[in-house]
Amino acid sequence: MRIIAVALCSLLAAGAAHAQDKGQLNLLCSVELEWCGLMASTFERETGIKVNMLRKSTGEVLAQLNAERANPKTDVWFGGTADPHIQAAEQDLTAPYTSPEAGKLQPWAAPLARAAGNRAVAVYLGPLGLAYNPEVLAKKKLPVPACWKDLARPEYKGEVQNSNPNSSGTAYTGIVTFVQLFGEDKAFEYMAAVHKNISEYTRSGAGPVKNVGRGETGIAIGFLALAAGEAKQGLPVKTLVPCEGTGYEIGAMSLVKGARNAEPARRFYEWQLTPAAQALAAASGSYTIPSHKDTPLHPLMPPASQMKFIDYDLKKFGSKEERTRLIGRWEKEINQAPR
């Protein structure tokens, strides 16, 4: 009996050690909460690695990584616009890594890897555009806008929402879009004109689109993937790409330099570049364009080839200096101006 008991204790100890060996992952996630949650639970179930996930906007994550520079508590940063990921790379907050799957990613993924020195990888593309509530516009006898410049029309006063670029990558993508479409000075003149019609600058890029779905505002500037998800839930949200063309986010993923759980972090990184993991975006109601060539595109999101995009200069507009300068100018000339 004693031999059996000792053997049983040994087996239990080995099993416990095996479970511990699977480790844990500290994940900061900058996509929608539903996507973050589904991704974390699926990875945990498939690998046995415990995922400690926290949802934060890109600006908040970048600030946290800087604050934790000497003692990182995060292993992986998933999602959000590429620009803050490039800044994190420039500030040596993230680690260089090239996945064996890199050759299977869409052509639009390569510029991000180059701009970030292989410290970030593209996981999805999200076009920027307009979301609107046709019921709200019809009730107030307002036309559906067709172009960016329509948002400055006086009849839209109080009916447009955007997010704040100090905390939202979505809003910064908008600034860059307008600068590249119109030229910088004209872009700020345009944003000053639209500012008079803005009812609120939300902290999160998702806020304006969700407020459109709730009927709290008629028009929102945001990513089309999120708006499509709201429509899928039966909410009165429609989308359009403005006539002038538009910018986009390349959603990125980065490994944190000095991560405590480096091996689980690499496993998550590789897993997230598989078609099965990327398909979780649409399963959670976020209809982005996946970076892996073999990931099916959801019918709610048209192919990137069918959209008119700006030539997004990731290296320039992803730099800390340019981002800080443009947001500073926005704060001074736009946000502090009366409405």
Protein backbone atom coordinates (compact mmCIF):
# COMPACT_ATOMS: atom_id res chain seq x y z
CA MET A 1 0.00 0.00 0.00
CA ARG A 2 2.84 2.35 0.88
CA ILE A 3 4.40 1.76 -2.55
CA ILE A 4 1.09 2.50 -4.26
CA ALA A 5 0.62 5.65 -2.19
CA VAL A 6 4.12 6.87 -3.03
CA ALA A 7 3.55 6.13 -6.71
CA LEU A 8 0.22 7.96 -6.64
CA CYS A 9 1.80 11.00 -4.96
CA SER A 10 4.52 10.98 -7.60
CA LEU A 11 1.96 10.93 -10.38
CA LEU A 12 -0.01 13.77 -8.80
CA ALA A 13 3.15 15.79 -8.33
CA ALA A 14 4.15 15.19 -11.94
CA GLY A 15 0.69 16.23 -13.11
CA ALA A 16 0.84 19.40 -11.05
CA ALA A 17 4.28 20.20 -12.39
CA HIS A 18 3.04 19.62 -15.94
CA ALA A 19 0.12 22.00 -15.37
CA GLN A 20 2.46 24.59 -13.95
CA ASP A 21 4.80 24.17 -16.92
CA LYS A 22 2.00 25.35 -19.20
CA GLY A 23 2.42 28.73 -17.59
CA GLN A 24 0.46 31.92 -17.92
CA LEU A 25 0.23 34.90 -20.25
CA ASN A 26 -0.31 38.55 -19.37
CA LEU A 27 -2.12 40.10 -22.32
CA LEU A 28 -3.07 43.71 -23.01
CA CYS A 29 -5.75 43.83 -25.68
CA SER A 30 -6.77 46.89 -27.71
CA VAL A 31 -9.62 45.51 -29.83
CA GLU A 32 -13.28 45.20 -28.83
CA LEU A 33 -13.90 43.49 -25.49
CA GLU A 34 -15.91 40.66 -27.08
CA TRP A 35 -13.02 39.80 -29.40
CA CYS A 36 -10.48 40.07 -26.57
CA GLY A 37 -12.51 37.73 -24.39
CA LEU A 38 -13.16 35.10 -27.05
CA MET A 39 -9.51 35.12 -28.09
CA ALA A 40 -8.25 34.75 -24.53
CA SER A 41 -10.67 31.95 -23.59
CA THR A 42 -10.02 30.01 -26.80
CA PHE A 43 -6.24 30.18 -26.45
CA GLU A 44 -6.47 29.15 -22.81
CA ARG A 45 -8.71 26.20 -23.64
CA GLU A 46 -6.53 25.01 -26.53
CA THR A 47 -3.16 25.34 -24.81
CA GLY A 48 -3.81 25.14 -21.07
CA ILE A 49 -1.95 28.44 -20.64
CA LYS A 50 -3.75 30.75 -18.23
CA VAL A 51 -4.47 34.13 -19.83
CA ASN A 52 -4.67 37.26 -17.70
CA MET A 53 -6.28 39.69 -20.12
CA LEU A 54 -6.97 43.39 -19.71
CA ARG A 55 -8.65 45.56 -22.34
CA LYS A 56 -7.12 49.03 -22.82
CA SER A 57 -6.97 51.61 -25.61
CA THR A 58 -3.70 51.98 -27.52
CA GLY A 59 -2.72 55.23 -25.83
CA GLU A 60 -3.27 53.68 -22.40
CA VAL A 61 -1.21 50.61 -23.29
CA LEU A 62 1.71 52.67 -24.58
CA ALA A 63 1.69 54.70 -21.36
CA GLN A 64 1.59 51.52 -19.26
CA LEU A 65 4.49 49.91 -21.13
CA ASN A 66 6.55 53.04 -20.58
CA ALA A 67 5.68 53.08 -16.88
CA GLU A 68 6.65 49.40 -16.55
CA ARG A 69 9.81 49.67 -18.65
CA ALA A 70 12.14 48.65 -15.81
CA ASN A 71 9.89 45.80 -14.67
CA PRO A 72 7.49 44.66 -17.45
CA LYS A 73 4.27 43.07 -16.26
CA THR A 74 2.88 42.54 -19.77
CA ASP A 75 3.93 39.78 -22.19
CA VAL A 76 1.95 40.54 -25.36
CA TRP A 77 0.15 43.60 -26.70
CA PHE A 78 -2.56 42.61 -29.16
CA GLY A 79 -4.49 44.88 -31.48
CA GLY A 80 -5.03 48.56 -31.94
CA THR A 81 -3.60 50.83 -34.61
CA ALA A 82 -0.05 50.29 -35.81
CA ASP A 83 1.23 53.77 -34.96
CA PRO A 84 1.54 53.25 -31.17
CA HIS A 85 3.14 49.83 -31.81
CA ILE A 86 5.74 51.55 -34.00
CA GLN A 87 6.33 54.08 -31.23
CA ALA A 88 6.77 51.24 -28.73
CA ALA A 89 9.35 49.72 -31.08
CA GLU A 90 11.18 53.04 -31.39
CA GLN A 91 11.26 53.34 -27.61
CA ASP A 92 12.70 49.81 -27.27
CA LEU A 93 9.64 48.63 -25.33
CA THR A 94 9.01 45.62 -27.59
CA ALA A 95 11.13 42.73 -28.80
CA PRO A 96 12.10 41.88 -32.40
CA TYR A 97 10.65 38.62 -33.70
CA THR A 98 9.89 37.21 -37.13
CA SER A 99 7.30 34.45 -37.37
CA PRO A 100 7.67 31.50 -39.76
CA GLU A 101 4.18 32.53 -40.95
CA ALA A 102 5.40 35.94 -42.15
CA GLY A 103 5.54 34.81 -45.78
CA LYS A 104 1.87 33.81 -45.68
CA LEU A 105 0.59 37.27 -44.74
CA GLN A 106 -1.10 39.75 -47.08
CA PRO A 107 1.18 42.20 -48.97
CA TRP A 108 -0.14 45.13 -46.93
CA ALA A 109 1.33 43.53 -43.80
CA ALA A 110 4.96 43.93 -44.89
CA PRO A 111 5.30 47.74 -44.49
CA LEU A 112 4.42 47.51 -40.80
CA ALA A 113 7.12 44.93 -40.10
CA ARG A 114 9.68 47.13 -41.87
CA ALA A 115 8.56 50.32 -40.10
CA ALA A 116 8.72 48.60 -36.69
CA GLY A 117 12.02 46.80 -37.29
CA ASN A 118 10.17 43.46 -36.98
CA ARG A 119 9.00 44.39 -33.48
CA ALA A 120 5.34 44.32 -34.58
CA VAL A 121 3.31 42.20 -36.97
CA ALA A 122 0.06 42.96 -38.80
CA VAL A 123 -2.92 40.89 -37.73
CA TYR A 124 -5.79 42.73 -39.45
CA LEU A 125 -6.72 45.74 -41.56
CA GLY A 126 -9.62 48.00 -40.61
CA PRO A 127 -10.84 50.71 -43.02
CA LEU A 128 -11.88 54.04 -41.51
CA GLY A 129 -15.20 55.46 -42.59
CA LEU A 130 -18.56 56.82 -41.51
CA ALA A 131 -21.25 55.05 -39.55
CA TYR A 132 -24.72 56.56 -39.48
CA ASN A 133 -28.14 55.85 -38.05
CA PRO A 134 -30.70 56.20 -40.87
CA GLU A 135 -33.58 56.42 -38.39
CA VAL A 136 -32.03 59.37 -36.55
CA LEU A 137 -31.18 61.17 -39.79
CA ALA A 138 -34.65 60.59 -41.24
CA LYS A 139 -36.35 61.81 -38.04
CA LYS A 140 -34.33 65.03 -38.16
CA LYS A 141 -34.71 65.35 -41.94
CA LEU A 142 -30.96 65.20 -42.49
CA PRO A 143 -29.33 63.76 -45.63
CA VAL A 144 -26.89 60.88 -45.50
CA PRO A 145 -23.36 62.29 -45.91
CA ALA A 146 -21.37 61.02 -48.89
CA CYS A 147 -17.97 62.65 -48.33
CA TRP A 148 -15.71 63.68 -45.46
CA LYS A 149 -16.29 67.34 -46.27
CA ASP A 150 -20.05 66.91 -45.83
CA LEU A 151 -19.50 66.64 -42.05
CA ALA A 152 -18.73 70.38 -41.94
CA ARG A 153 -22.19 71.30 -43.25
CA PRO A 154 -24.12 73.40 -40.69
CA GLU A 155 -27.18 71.14 -40.70
CA TYR A 156 -25.11 68.43 -38.95
CA LYS A 157 -24.45 70.57 -35.86
CA GLY A 158 -24.52 68.34 -32.77
CA GLU A 159 -24.99 65.19 -34.85
CA VAL A 160 -21.37 64.06 -35.36
CA GLN A 161 -19.18 62.19 -32.91
CA ASN A 162 -15.48 61.38 -33.05
CA SER A 163 -12.97 60.06 -30.52
CA ASN A 164 -10.08 61.86 -28.83
CA PRO A 165 -6.63 61.17 -30.34
CA ASN A 166 -4.97 61.57 -26.93
CA SER A 167 -6.39 58.15 -26.01
CA SER A 168 -7.78 56.73 -29.26
CA GLY A 169 -5.81 55.28 -32.16
CA THR A 170 -8.98 55.54 -34.25
CA ALA A 171 -8.98 59.33 -33.92
CA TYR A 172 -5.29 59.60 -34.77
CA THR A 173 -5.93 57.51 -37.89
CA GLY A 174 -8.54 60.13 -38.80
CA ILE A 175 -6.06 62.99 -38.42
CA VAL A 176 -3.53 61.19 -40.60
CA THR A 177 -6.23 60.43 -43.17
CA PHE A 178 -7.23 64.09 -43.46
CA VAL A 179 -3.61 65.28 -43.59
CA GLN A 180 -2.81 62.90 -46.43
CA LEU A 181 -6.02 63.62 -48.31
CA PHE A 182 -6.05 67.42 -48.03
CA GLY A 183 -2.57 68.52 -46.93
CA GLU A 184 -1.84 69.45 -43.32
CA ASP A 185 -3.07 73.05 -43.14
CA LYS A 186 -6.22 72.31 -45.12
CA ALA A 187 -6.82 69.24 -42.97
CA PHE A 188 -6.77 71.35 -39.80
CA GLU A 189 -9.08 73.88 -41.39
CA TYR A 190 -11.42 71.01 -42.21
CA MET A 191 -11.26 69.55 -38.68
CA ALA A 192 -11.93 73.01 -37.22
CA ALA A 193 -15.06 73.27 -39.36
CA VAL A 194 -16.26 69.79 -38.35
CA HIS A 195 -15.46 70.57 -34.71
CA LYS A 196 -18.42 72.96 -34.65
CA ASN A 197 -20.69 70.00 -35.36
CA ILE A 198 -19.13 67.55 -32.87
CA SER A 199 -21.29 66.68 -29.87
CA GLU A 200 -18.60 64.63 -28.09
CA TYR A 201 -15.04 63.34 -28.42
CA THR A 202 -15.17 59.96 -26.71
CA ARG A 203 -12.21 58.35 -24.96
CA SER A 204 -12.50 55.13 -26.96
CA GLY A 205 -12.62 54.81 -30.74
CA ALA A 206 -15.54 52.41 -30.38
CA GLY A 207 -17.66 54.94 -28.49
CA PRO A 208 -19.01 57.01 -31.39
CA VAL A 209 -20.05 53.95 -33.41
CA LYS A 210 -21.81 52.39 -30.43
CA ASN A 211 -23.58 55.69 -29.77
CA VAL A 212 -24.85 55.67 -33.36
CA GLY A 213 -26.31 52.21 -32.76
CA ARG A 214 -28.06 53.45 -29.61
CA GLY A 215 -29.51 56.43 -31.46
CA GLU A 216 -27.57 58.94 -29.34
CA THR A 217 -26.01 60.55 -32.40
CA GLY A 218 -26.65 60.45 -36.13
CA ILE A 219 -23.12 60.13 -37.52
CA ALA A 220 -19.82 58.74 -36.25
CA ILE A 221 -16.26 58.59 -37.52
CA GLY A 222 -14.92 55.11 -36.87
CA PHE A 223 -13.72 51.83 -38.21
CA LEU A 224 -16.13 50.03 -40.54
CA ALA A 225 -15.50 46.63 -38.93
CA LEU A 226 -17.02 47.74 -35.65
CA ALA A 227 -19.98 49.36 -37.37
CA ALA A 228 -20.65 46.16 -39.32
CA GLY A 229 -20.67 44.29 -36.03
CA GLU A 230 -23.27 46.66 -34.60
CA ALA A 231 -25.43 46.17 -37.70
CA LYS A 232 -25.09 42.39 -37.38
CA GLN A 233 -26.70 42.67 -33.94
CA GLY A 234 -29.75 44.26 -35.53
CA LEU A 235 -28.94 47.83 -34.58
CA PRO A 236 -29.79 50.60 -37.10
CA VAL A 237 -26.22 51.26 -38.26
CA LYS A 238 -25.10 51.70 -41.85
CA THR A 239 -21.64 52.45 -43.18
CA LEU A 240 -19.93 54.14 -46.09
CA VAL A 241 -16.45 54.95 -47.36
CA PRO A 242 -16.33 58.73 -48.03
CA CYS A 243 -16.01 59.84 -51.64
CA GLU A 244 -12.51 61.30 -51.21
CA GLY A 245 -11.10 57.92 -50.12
CA THR A 246 -10.01 56.90 -46.67
CA GLY A 247 -7.29 55.74 -44.34
CA TYR A 248 -7.14 52.55 -42.36
CA GLU A 249 -5.67 50.94 -39.32
CA ILE A 250 -3.32 48.04 -39.58
CA GLY A 251 -3.99 46.21 -36.36
CA ALA A 252 -0.72 45.11 -34.83
CA MET A 253 0.67 42.68 -32.29
CA SER A 254 3.91 43.07 -30.34
CA LEU A 255 5.95 41.03 -27.89
CA VAL A 256 6.99 43.07 -24.86
CA LYS A 257 10.72 43.33 -24.26
CA GLY A 258 11.76 41.61 -21.05
CA ALA A 259 8.46 39.72 -20.76
CA ARG A 260 8.27 37.41 -17.78
CA ASN A 261 6.44 34.71 -19.76
CA ALA A 262 8.41 34.78 -23.00
CA GLU A 263 7.64 31.25 -24.19
CA PRO A 264 3.82 31.46 -23.69
CA ALA A 265 4.00 34.87 -25.36
CA ARG A 266 5.63 33.42 -28.48
CA ARG A 267 3.08 30.59 -28.52
CA PHE A 268 0.25 33.13 -28.44
CA TYR A 269 1.96 35.21 -31.15
CA GLU A 270 2.24 32.21 -33.48
CA TRP A 271 -1.28 31.03 -32.68
CA GLN A 272 -2.71 34.46 -33.46
CA LEU A 273 -1.23 34.33 -36.97
CA THR A 274 -3.15 31.14 -37.84
CA PRO A 275 -6.36 31.35 -39.91
CA ALA A 276 -8.36 29.66 -37.14
CA ALA A 277 -7.35 32.25 -34.55
CA GLN A 278 -7.88 35.17 -36.95
CA ALA A 279 -11.39 33.90 -37.73
CA LEU A 280 -12.33 34.67 -34.11
CA ALA A 281 -12.56 38.35 -35.03
CA ALA A 282 -15.66 37.80 -37.17
CA ALA A 283 -16.99 35.22 -34.70
CA SER A 284 -16.97 37.94 -32.03
CA GLY A 285 -18.62 40.54 -34.30
CA SER A 286 -15.55 42.45 -35.48
CA TYR A 287 -15.42 42.23 -39.26
CA THR A 288 -11.85 43.22 -40.01
CA ILE A 289 -9.75 42.08 -42.98
CA PRO A 290 -7.41 39.32 -41.70
CA SER A 291 -3.67 39.42 -42.42
CA HIS A 292 -3.21 35.71 -43.16
CA LYS A 293 -3.95 34.92 -46.80
CA ASP A 294 -5.83 31.72 -45.89
CA THR A 295 -8.23 33.32 -43.43
CA PRO A 296 -11.72 33.59 -44.99
CA LEU A 297 -13.05 37.13 -45.40
CA HIS A 298 -16.46 37.67 -43.82
CA PRO A 299 -19.11 38.77 -46.35
CA LEU A 300 -19.91 41.88 -44.28
CA MET A 301 -16.45 43.26 -45.08
CA PRO A 302 -15.63 43.90 -48.76
CA PRO A 303 -12.07 43.13 -49.92
CA ALA A 304 -9.47 45.86 -49.51
CA SER A 305 -9.04 45.88 -53.30
CA GLN A 306 -12.56 47.33 -53.65
CA MET A 307 -11.84 50.38 -51.48
CA LYS A 308 -10.09 53.65 -52.31
CA PHE A 309 -7.28 54.03 -49.79
CA ILE A 310 -4.73 56.72 -49.11
CA ASP A 311 -1.06 55.76 -49.39
CA TYR A 312 -0.56 55.53 -45.62
CA ASP A 313 3.00 56.49 -44.67
CA LEU A 314 3.43 54.25 -41.63
CA LYS A 315 7.05 55.20 -41.01
CA LYS A 316 6.34 58.92 -40.90
CA PHE A 317 3.00 59.02 -39.14
CA GLY A 318 3.83 56.14 -36.83
CA SER A 319 6.81 57.96 -35.33
CA LYS A 320 6.56 59.36 -31.82
CA GLU A 321 7.63 62.84 -32.94
CA GLU A 322 5.04 63.16 -35.71
CA ARG A 323 2.24 61.68 -33.63
CA THR A 324 3.05 63.98 -30.70
CA ARG A 325 3.25 67.01 -32.97
CA LEU A 326 -0.03 66.34 -34.77
CA ILE A 327 -1.97 65.51 -31.60
CA GLY A 328 -0.51 68.59 -29.94
CA ARG A 329 -1.68 70.75 -32.82
CA TRP A 330 -5.11 69.10 -32.69
CA GLU A 331 -5.36 69.78 -28.95
CA LYS A 332 -4.45 73.44 -29.38
CA GLU A 333 -6.32 74.29 -32.56
CA ILE A 334 -9.31 71.95 -32.44
CA ASN A 335 -10.10 70.55 -28.99
CA GLN A 336 -9.61 73.84 -27.16
CA ALA A 337 -11.66 75.82 -29.68
CA PRO A 338 -15.26 76.71 -28.74
CA ARG A 339 -18.11 74.85 -30.41
